[in-house]
Protein backbone atom coordinates (compact mmCIF):
# COMPACT_ATOMS: atom_id res chain seq x y z
CA MET A 1 -16.48 14.52 -7.77
CA THR A 2 -13.80 15.75 -5.38
CA SER A 3 -10.28 16.95 -6.11
CA PHE A 4 -7.23 14.71 -6.02
CA PRO A 5 -5.78 16.26 -2.81
CA TYR A 6 -9.15 15.90 -1.09
CA ARG A 7 -9.30 12.24 -2.17
CA LEU A 8 -5.74 11.68 -0.97
CA PHE A 9 -6.44 13.08 2.49
CA GLY A 10 -9.91 11.50 2.61
CA ALA A 11 -8.45 8.07 1.88
CA ALA A 12 -5.83 8.57 4.60
CA ALA A 13 -8.62 9.70 6.96
CA LEU A 14 -10.44 6.41 6.24
CA ASP A 15 -13.44 8.16 4.70
CA THR A 16 -15.59 5.37 3.23
CA GLY A 17 -17.32 7.89 0.97
CA ILE A 18 -14.00 8.69 -0.70
CA TYR A 19 -13.30 4.99 -1.22
CA GLU A 20 -16.76 4.54 -2.78
CA GLU A 21 -16.19 7.57 -5.01
CA VAL A 22 -12.79 6.35 -6.16
CA GLU A 23 -14.18 2.87 -6.75
CA ALA A 24 -16.88 4.26 -9.07
CA ASP A 25 -14.74 6.86 -10.88
CA ARG A 26 -12.93 5.24 -13.80
CA SER A 27 -10.94 8.42 -14.34
CA ALA A 28 -9.34 7.96 -10.88
CA THR A 29 -7.14 5.08 -12.05
CA ALA A 30 -4.25 7.39 -12.92
CA GLN A 31 -4.64 9.15 -9.57
CA ALA A 32 -4.50 5.81 -7.74
CA ALA A 33 -1.36 4.86 -9.67
CA LEU A 34 0.20 8.20 -8.73
CA VAL A 35 -0.53 7.53 -5.05
CA VAL A 36 1.09 4.08 -5.26
CA ILE A 37 4.17 5.44 -7.05
CA THR A 38 4.51 8.36 -4.62
CA SER A 39 4.14 6.05 -1.63
CA SER A 40 6.73 3.64 -3.09
CA LEU A 41 9.19 6.47 -3.73
CA ALA A 42 8.65 7.78 -0.19
CA ALA A 43 9.36 4.29 1.17
CA GLY A 44 12.47 4.04 -0.98
CA LEU A 45 13.84 7.37 0.20
CA GLY A 46 12.81 6.73 3.79
CA ALA A 47 14.51 3.34 3.80
CA TYR A 48 17.81 5.17 3.44
CA GLY A 49 17.50 6.34 7.05
CA LEU A 50 15.99 3.07 8.19
CA THR A 51 18.84 0.92 6.88
CA GLY A 52 21.61 2.95 8.46
CA ARG A 53 22.92 4.38 5.16
CA THR A 54 25.41 1.61 4.58
CA GLY A 55 26.43 -0.16 1.43
CA MET A 56 25.09 2.13 -1.31
CA SER A 57 24.30 5.69 -2.32
CA LEU A 58 20.99 7.38 -1.58
CA ILE A 59 19.89 7.18 -5.21
CA ALA A 60 20.76 3.50 -5.66
CA GLY A 61 19.23 2.58 -2.32
CA ALA A 62 16.11 4.63 -2.95
CA LEU A 63 15.61 3.04 -6.36
CA ILE A 64 16.01 -0.49 -5.02
CA TRP A 65 13.77 0.08 -2.00
CA SER A 66 11.19 1.94 -4.12
CA ALA A 67 11.09 -0.97 -6.54
CA LEU A 68 10.67 -3.39 -3.64
CA ALA A 69 7.84 -1.27 -2.23
CA LEU A 70 6.15 -1.29 -5.63
CA VAL A 71 6.57 -5.06 -5.95
CA GLY A 72 5.16 -5.40 -2.43
CA TRP A 73 2.10 -3.35 -3.33
CA ALA A 74 1.56 -5.33 -6.54
CA ALA A 75 1.85 -8.61 -4.65
CA TRP A 76 -0.50 -7.31 -1.96
CA ALA A 77 -3.02 -6.23 -4.61
CA LEU A 78 -2.88 -9.59 -6.40
CA LEU A 79 -3.23 -11.50 -3.15
CA VAL A 80 -6.16 -9.34 -2.02
CA PHE A 81 -7.83 -9.96 -5.37
CA GLU A 82 -7.33 -13.73 -5.13
CA ILE A 83 -8.09 -14.16 -1.43
CA GLY A 84 -10.86 -11.58 -1.18
CA GLY A 85 -12.51 -12.14 -4.52
CA ARG A 86 -12.07 -15.87 -4.99
CA LEU A 87 -11.46 -17.54 -1.62
CA LEU A 88 -13.55 -15.40 0.75
CA PRO A 89 -16.28 -13.73 -1.32
CA THR A 90 -19.76 -13.05 -0.01
CA ARG A 91 -22.98 -13.13 -2.04
CA GLN A 92 -22.66 -9.38 -2.59
CA THR A 93 -19.02 -9.55 -3.69
CA ARG A 94 -18.56 -8.47 -7.26
CA VAL A 95 -14.89 -8.35 -8.17
CA ASP A 96 -13.85 -5.68 -10.64
CA VAL A 97 -10.07 -5.52 -10.87
CA THR A 98 -9.85 -1.85 -11.78
CA GLU A 99 -12.23 -0.82 -8.98
CA LEU A 100 -10.21 -2.84 -6.51
CA LEU A 101 -6.92 -1.39 -7.77
CA ARG A 102 -8.23 2.15 -7.47
CA THR A 103 -9.40 1.70 -3.89
CA ILE A 104 -6.30 -0.09 -2.67
CA GLY A 105 -4.14 2.33 -4.63
CA PHE A 106 -5.57 5.18 -2.60
CA ALA A 107 -5.16 3.05 0.54
CA THR A 108 -1.40 3.50 0.19
CA ALA A 109 -1.72 7.24 0.90
CA PRO A 110 -0.39 6.88 4.48
CA GLY A 111 2.75 5.31 3.03
CA ILE A 112 3.85 8.78 1.97
CA LEU A 113 4.82 9.28 5.63
CA CYS A 114 7.73 6.90 5.03
CA ILE A 115 9.61 9.87 3.57
CA LEU A 116 10.22 10.88 7.20
CA GLY A 117 12.50 7.85 7.40
CA ILE A 118 15.20 9.93 5.72
CA MET A 119 15.83 11.20 9.26
CA PRO A 120 17.29 8.17 11.07
CA SER A 121 15.93 9.22 14.48
CA VAL A 122 12.31 8.93 13.27
CA ALA A 123 12.73 6.27 10.58
CA ARG A 124 11.49 3.28 12.55
CA PRO A 125 8.44 5.01 14.10
CA ALA A 126 7.55 6.58 10.72
CA PHE A 127 7.63 3.20 8.96
CA ILE A 128 5.67 1.44 11.69
CA LEU A 129 3.02 4.17 11.72
CA ALA A 130 2.80 4.23 7.91
CA PHE A 131 2.52 0.46 7.54
CA VAL A 132 -0.09 0.05 10.25
CA TRP A 133 -2.07 3.00 8.88
CA MET A 134 -1.84 1.56 5.35
CA LEU A 135 -3.10 -1.78 6.63
CA VAL A 136 -6.10 -0.08 8.24
CA SER A 137 -6.69 1.96 5.06
CA MET A 138 -6.49 -1.21 3.02
CA VAL A 139 -9.16 -2.83 5.21
CA VAL A 140 -11.49 0.11 4.53
CA GLY A 141 -10.72 0.05 0.81
CA VAL A 142 -11.16 -3.71 0.50
CA ARG A 143 -14.39 -3.67 2.44
CA GLN A 144 -15.79 -1.03 0.09
CA ALA A 145 -14.41 -2.50 -3.16
CA LEU A 146 -15.50 -6.06 -2.44
CA ASP A 147 -18.83 -5.00 -0.92
CA TYR A 148 -18.24 -6.88 2.33
CA ASP A 149 -20.74 -6.48 5.15
CA SER A 150 -18.15 -7.64 7.64
CA THR A 151 -15.06 -5.66 8.57
CA ALA A 152 -13.66 -8.88 10.06
CA ARG A 153 -13.65 -10.49 6.61
CA ALA A 154 -11.80 -7.49 5.15
CA ILE A 155 -9.31 -7.62 8.02
CA ALA A 156 -8.66 -11.33 7.41
CA VAL A 157 -8.12 -10.76 3.68
CA CYS A 158 -5.81 -7.80 4.21
CA VAL A 159 -3.71 -9.27 7.01
CA VAL A 160 -3.12 -12.60 5.24
CA ALA A 161 -2.31 -10.84 1.96
CA TRP A 162 -0.08 -8.32 3.78
CA MET A 163 1.93 -11.04 5.52
CA LEU A 164 2.39 -13.04 2.31
CA ALA A 165 3.38 -9.93 0.32
CA GLY A 166 5.78 -8.93 3.11
CA LEU A 167 7.46 -12.32 2.95
CA LEU A 168 7.83 -11.94 -0.81
CA VAL A 169 9.41 -8.49 -0.44
CA LEU A 170 11.80 -9.70 2.25
CA ALA A 171 12.83 -12.69 0.16
CA THR A 172 13.32 -10.47 -2.89
CA GLY A 173 15.24 -7.93 -0.81
CA PHE A 174 17.77 -10.54 0.23
CA PHE A 175 18.60 -11.14 -3.42
CA VAL A 176 18.75 -7.57 -4.71
CA THR A 177 20.49 -5.71 -1.89
CA PRO A 178 24.24 -5.94 -1.35
CA SER A 179 25.56 -7.85 1.63
CA LEU A 180 26.83 -5.80 4.55
CA SER A 181 29.92 -7.94 5.15
């Protein structure tokens, strides 16, 4: 069993062995939750630079955007579970919710880069890099957790779930953030 920092960096480095280890280790659930919370907080703080710092304080903005990031991850996780485990399973697919949550929890490790968004000049590139990297990490995690033979199937599950979760977050964001006018 490897250390938490090693798992964190291994997940970000797309190490399938780390994803298999996390999937099998029931004690890694708290670690996965910590990764998701840290990534959400980083996105919340980074969004301050991304949004142009208008309309609210750093703390209020960070809390709202962190909550939206957490809702986005939860929606993504639920959609991956439903699409990957129920709509597109293979014969080998055995869906265990906690195993799936651990692997996709660690897949959010690249989202910690969103903290760089606090600097407006690098906010947009930091968010784009983090989100694309998280999508790729999610594909690796889903492939391992759902025992897919095909990376294409994992990509399909992750991209569809990501787009639907993104729409949910955007729709929610319109209702919880103050207007700029």
